[in-house]
């Protein structure tokens, strides 16, 4: 992020005590819908502000936990927008008019291919992957994925990603007394990139465990006579 963005963030931080949680909810809803907006610029500063007691409650740990819950809630609202957009309008509409909603056909094709191959767990894993993060909700809507299942997997994926971003901001806020807002986002993103392999490995283990448990639960067993 450039110096201009850092300056805007620094100016906005003066109002974080009053409007911080409202801004987190609205911006995460936008980020999770079809509008291209990075969640890193929302939740890393949220964790940073919480660590410095500059959010509404004035308690670092309480503010961090509440910021995470509100961030996940905003992510779910944005995901529901995409889900119902696809469910109600259908694929022909998205392909014809999607460009006006930042939905490019190649990205939609990729999201559909991933969803067809991996099914419900794709809505979980893809919440942590760039570019496809928001649009994986579209094929879920097109396939009329059960809303409860969609909410569960989307909430899990969004929750993990939100926790990671907020924790990074919180860590930087607690350990770096002189860090400026211009330095915050690049430093936080660099930390996440350095450990991204471990994040993906953890996701893979989760999906494998889900698949194995599902197979075991659904396996037919001989009836007792």
Protein backbone atom coordinates (compact mmCIF):
# COMPACT_ATOMS: atom_id res chain seq x y z
CA UNK A 1 0.00 0.00 0.00
CA UNK A 2 1.20 3.46 -0.83
CA UNK A 3 1.87 6.38 1.44
CA UNK A 4 -1.45 8.01 0.44
CA UNK A 5 -3.41 5.02 1.72
CA UNK A 6 -1.40 5.01 4.94
CA UNK A 7 -2.21 8.69 5.43
CA UNK A 8 -5.94 8.02 4.91
CA UNK A 9 -5.79 5.14 7.35
CA UNK A 10 -4.03 7.27 9.93
CA UNK A 11 -6.68 10.00 9.53
CA UNK A 12 -9.53 7.49 9.78
CA UNK A 13 -8.06 5.92 12.94
CA UNK A 14 -9.15 9.01 14.87
CA UNK A 15 -12.75 7.87 14.40
CA UNK A 16 -12.13 4.17 15.07
CA UNK A 17 -13.45 4.38 18.61
CA UNK A 18 -16.89 5.40 17.32
CA UNK A 19 -17.17 3.92 13.83
CA UNK A 20 -14.53 1.19 13.84
CA UNK A 21 -16.80 -1.84 14.09
CA UNK A 22 -19.32 -0.39 11.63
CA UNK A 23 -16.51 0.17 9.13
CA UNK A 24 -15.17 -3.36 9.66
CA UNK A 25 -18.58 -4.89 8.95
CA UNK A 26 -19.31 -2.80 5.86
CA UNK A 27 -15.84 -3.14 4.33
CA UNK A 28 -15.69 -6.90 4.91
CA UNK A 29 -19.14 -7.27 3.32
CA UNK A 30 -17.88 -5.35 0.29
CA UNK A 31 -14.69 -7.42 0.20
CA UNK A 32 -16.63 -10.68 0.28
CA UNK A 33 -19.03 -9.66 -2.49
CA UNK A 34 -18.13 -9.14 -6.15
CA UNK A 35 -16.34 -5.81 -5.52
CA UNK A 36 -12.53 -6.27 -5.64
CA UNK A 37 -11.36 -5.02 -2.26
CA UNK A 38 -8.61 -6.67 -0.19
CA UNK A 39 -9.50 -7.84 3.32
CA UNK A 40 -5.90 -7.21 4.36
CA UNK A 41 -6.54 -3.47 4.45
CA UNK A 42 -9.45 -4.00 6.85
CA UNK A 43 -8.56 -6.70 9.35
CA UNK A 44 -4.83 -6.04 9.78
CA UNK A 45 -5.55 -2.42 10.81
CA UNK A 46 -8.45 -3.69 12.96
CA UNK A 47 -6.09 -5.91 14.92
CA UNK A 48 -3.53 -3.12 15.10
CA UNK A 49 -6.08 -0.64 16.49
CA UNK A 50 -7.39 -3.22 18.96
CA UNK A 51 -3.89 -3.86 20.28
CA UNK A 52 -3.46 -0.15 20.91
CA UNK A 53 -6.85 0.17 22.67
CA UNK A 54 -8.16 2.48 19.94
CA UNK A 55 -11.38 0.61 19.13
CA UNK A 56 -14.75 1.03 20.84
CA UNK A 57 -14.36 -1.10 23.96
CA UNK A 58 -10.88 0.15 24.84
CA UNK A 59 -9.81 -3.37 25.89
CA UNK A 60 -7.26 -4.92 23.49
CA UNK A 61 -8.40 -8.53 23.77
CA UNK A 62 -12.12 -7.78 23.82
CA UNK A 63 -11.77 -5.45 20.83
CA UNK A 64 -9.79 -8.07 18.90
CA UNK A 65 -12.35 -10.83 19.54
CA UNK A 66 -15.27 -8.56 18.66
CA UNK A 67 -13.48 -7.34 15.52
CA UNK A 68 -13.05 -10.97 14.40
CA UNK A 69 -16.73 -11.79 14.93
CA UNK A 70 -17.86 -8.64 13.13
CA UNK A 71 -15.39 -9.27 10.30
CA UNK A 72 -16.75 -12.80 9.81
CA UNK A 73 -20.32 -11.51 9.91
CA UNK A 74 -19.50 -8.97 7.21
CA UNK A 75 -17.83 -11.68 5.12
CA UNK A 76 -20.92 -13.86 5.35
CA UNK A 77 -23.20 -11.02 4.27
CA UNK A 78 -21.00 -10.36 1.23
CA UNK A 79 -20.91 -14.07 0.41
CA UNK A 80 -24.72 -14.25 0.65
CA UNK A 81 -24.93 -11.41 -1.87
CA UNK A 82 -22.95 -13.45 -4.39
CA UNK A 83 -24.77 -16.67 -3.51
CA UNK A 84 -28.25 -15.22 -4.06
CA UNK A 85 -27.11 -13.18 -7.05
CA UNK A 86 -26.14 -16.43 -8.76
CA UNK A 87 -29.14 -18.39 -7.45
CA UNK A 88 -31.74 -15.86 -8.59
CA UNK A 89 -30.18 -14.52 -11.80
CA UNK A 90 -28.55 -17.67 -13.16
CA UNK A 91 -25.46 -18.36 -15.22
CA UNK A 92 -26.63 -16.78 -18.54
CA UNK A 93 -27.15 -13.44 -16.81
CA UNK A 94 -23.75 -13.59 -15.08
CA UNK A 95 -21.99 -14.39 -18.32
CA UNK A 96 -23.73 -11.61 -20.21
CA UNK A 97 -23.67 -8.86 -17.60
CA UNK A 98 -21.06 -10.06 -15.11
CA UNK A 99 -18.44 -7.69 -16.48
CA UNK A 100 -20.45 -4.82 -15.01
CA UNK A 101 -20.10 -6.45 -11.57
CA UNK A 102 -16.34 -7.17 -11.85
CA UNK A 103 -17.11 -10.84 -12.69
CA UNK A 104 -14.88 -11.85 -15.59
CA UNK A 105 -15.79 -15.05 -17.51
CA UNK A 106 -12.36 -16.72 -17.08
CA UNK A 107 -12.50 -16.26 -13.31
CA UNK A 108 -16.09 -17.52 -13.21
CA UNK A 109 -15.04 -20.55 -15.28
CA UNK A 110 -12.23 -21.28 -12.85
CA UNK A 111 -14.52 -20.95 -9.83
CA UNK A 112 -17.03 -23.31 -11.40
CA UNK A 113 -14.34 -25.85 -12.26
CA UNK A 114 -13.04 -25.83 -8.68
CA UNK A 115 -16.53 -26.17 -7.24
CA UNK A 116 -17.45 -29.03 -9.59
CA UNK A 117 -14.26 -30.91 -8.71
CA UNK A 118 -14.18 -30.41 -4.95
CA UNK A 119 -17.76 -29.56 -4.02
CA UNK A 120 -18.69 -28.00 -0.68
CA UNK A 121 -15.15 -27.94 0.82
CA UNK A 122 -14.10 -25.62 -2.02
CA UNK A 123 -16.15 -22.84 -0.42
CA UNK A 124 -13.98 -23.30 2.66
CA UNK A 125 -10.53 -23.60 1.11
CA UNK A 126 -11.02 -20.86 -1.49
CA UNK A 127 -11.80 -18.28 1.19
CA UNK A 128 -8.05 -18.21 1.83
CA UNK A 129 -6.95 -18.02 -1.81
CA UNK A 130 -6.44 -14.70 -3.66
CA UNK A 131 -8.56 -13.80 -6.70
CA UNK A 132 -10.98 -16.71 -6.28
CA UNK A 133 -11.89 -15.89 -2.66
CA UNK A 134 -15.01 -13.86 -3.34
CA UNK A 135 -16.24 -15.56 -6.51
CA UNK A 136 -16.37 -19.12 -5.16
CA UNK A 137 -19.79 -18.16 -3.75
CA UNK A 138 -21.15 -17.81 -7.28
CA UNK A 139 -20.91 -21.48 -8.36
CA UNK A 140 -22.29 -22.42 -4.94
CA UNK A 141 -25.35 -20.32 -5.72
CA UNK A 142 -25.60 -21.63 -9.28
CA UNK A 143 -25.55 -25.20 -7.92
CA UNK A 144 -28.16 -24.28 -5.24
CA UNK A 145 -25.84 -25.54 -2.52
CA UNK A 146 -27.84 -25.95 0.73
CA UNK A 147 -27.71 -22.65 2.59
CA UNK A 148 -26.76 -24.23 5.91
CA UNK A 149 -23.84 -26.06 4.35
CA UNK A 150 -22.78 -22.94 2.47
CA UNK A 151 -22.90 -20.89 5.66
CA UNK A 152 -20.86 -23.46 7.59
CA UNK A 153 -18.03 -23.79 5.08
CA UNK A 154 -17.95 -20.10 4.16
CA UNK A 155 -17.99 -19.11 7.82
CA UNK A 156 -15.15 -21.50 8.64
CA UNK A 157 -12.97 -20.27 5.78
CA UNK A 158 -13.73 -16.61 6.37
CA UNK A 159 -13.22 -17.11 10.10
CA UNK A 160 -9.76 -18.59 9.73
CA UNK A 161 -8.67 -15.89 7.29
CA UNK A 162 -10.10 -13.12 9.48
CA UNK A 163 -8.38 -14.53 12.57
CA UNK A 164 -5.04 -14.69 10.75
CA UNK A 165 -5.25 -11.10 9.51
CA UNK A 166 -6.46 -9.71 12.82
CA UNK A 167 -3.85 -11.64 14.78
CA UNK A 168 -1.08 -10.28 12.55
CA UNK A 169 -2.28 -6.71 13.09
CA UNK A 170 -2.66 -7.33 16.81
CA UNK A 171 0.87 -8.76 17.05
CA UNK A 172 2.32 -5.76 15.23
CA UNK A 173 0.36 -3.37 17.42
CA UNK A 174 1.63 -4.99 20.61
CA UNK A 175 5.26 -5.40 19.59
CA UNK A 176 6.07 -2.32 17.49
CA UNK A 177 5.60 0.94 19.35
CA UNK A 178 6.76 3.20 16.52
CA UNK A 179 5.20 1.52 13.46
CA UNK A 180 3.35 3.91 11.15
CA UNK A 181 0.21 3.15 9.17
CA UNK A 182 2.24 3.43 5.98
CA UNK A 183 4.35 0.48 7.17
CA UNK A 184 1.52 -1.58 8.67
CA UNK A 185 -0.11 -3.25 5.65
CA UNK A 186 3.13 -4.17 3.79
CA UNK A 187 4.65 -5.57 6.98
CA UNK A 188 1.53 -7.59 7.78
CA UNK A 189 1.21 -8.99 4.26
CA UNK A 190 4.88 -9.96 4.30
CA UNK A 191 4.34 -11.92 7.52
CA UNK A 192 1.40 -13.81 6.02
CA UNK A 193 3.27 -14.55 2.78
CA UNK A 194 6.20 -15.96 4.75
CA UNK A 195 3.90 -18.48 6.46
CA UNK A 196 1.41 -19.09 3.65
CA UNK A 197 2.68 -22.61 3.03
CA UNK A 198 1.76 -23.63 6.57
CA UNK A 199 -1.68 -22.09 6.18
CA UNK A 200 -2.37 -24.06 3.00
CA UNK A 201 -1.00 -27.25 4.56
CA UNK A 202 -3.41 -26.85 7.46
CA UNK A 203 -6.30 -26.36 5.06
CA UNK A 204 -5.37 -29.47 3.10
CA UNK A 205 -5.31 -31.51 6.31
CA UNK A 206 -8.74 -30.16 7.25
CA UNK A 207 -10.24 -31.07 3.87
CA UNK A 208 -8.69 -34.56 3.93
CA UNK A 209 -10.04 -35.11 7.44
CA UNK A 210 -13.50 -33.90 6.36
CA UNK A 211 -13.45 -36.21 3.35
CA UNK A 212 -12.32 -39.20 5.42
CA UNK A 213 -14.92 -38.61 8.13
CA UNK A 214 -17.66 -38.11 5.54
CA UNK A 215 -16.75 -41.37 3.84
CA UNK A 216 -16.73 -43.18 7.16
CA UNK A 217 -20.10 -41.76 8.24
CA UNK A 218 -21.76 -42.51 4.89
CA UNK A 219 -20.26 -45.99 4.57
CA UNK A 220 -22.85 -48.72 4.49
CA UNK A 221 -22.52 -51.20 7.30
CA UNK A 222 -23.94 -54.70 7.41
CA UNK A 223 -27.19 -54.86 9.30
CA UNK A 224 -27.35 -57.00 12.38
CA UNK A 225 -29.70 -59.90 11.98
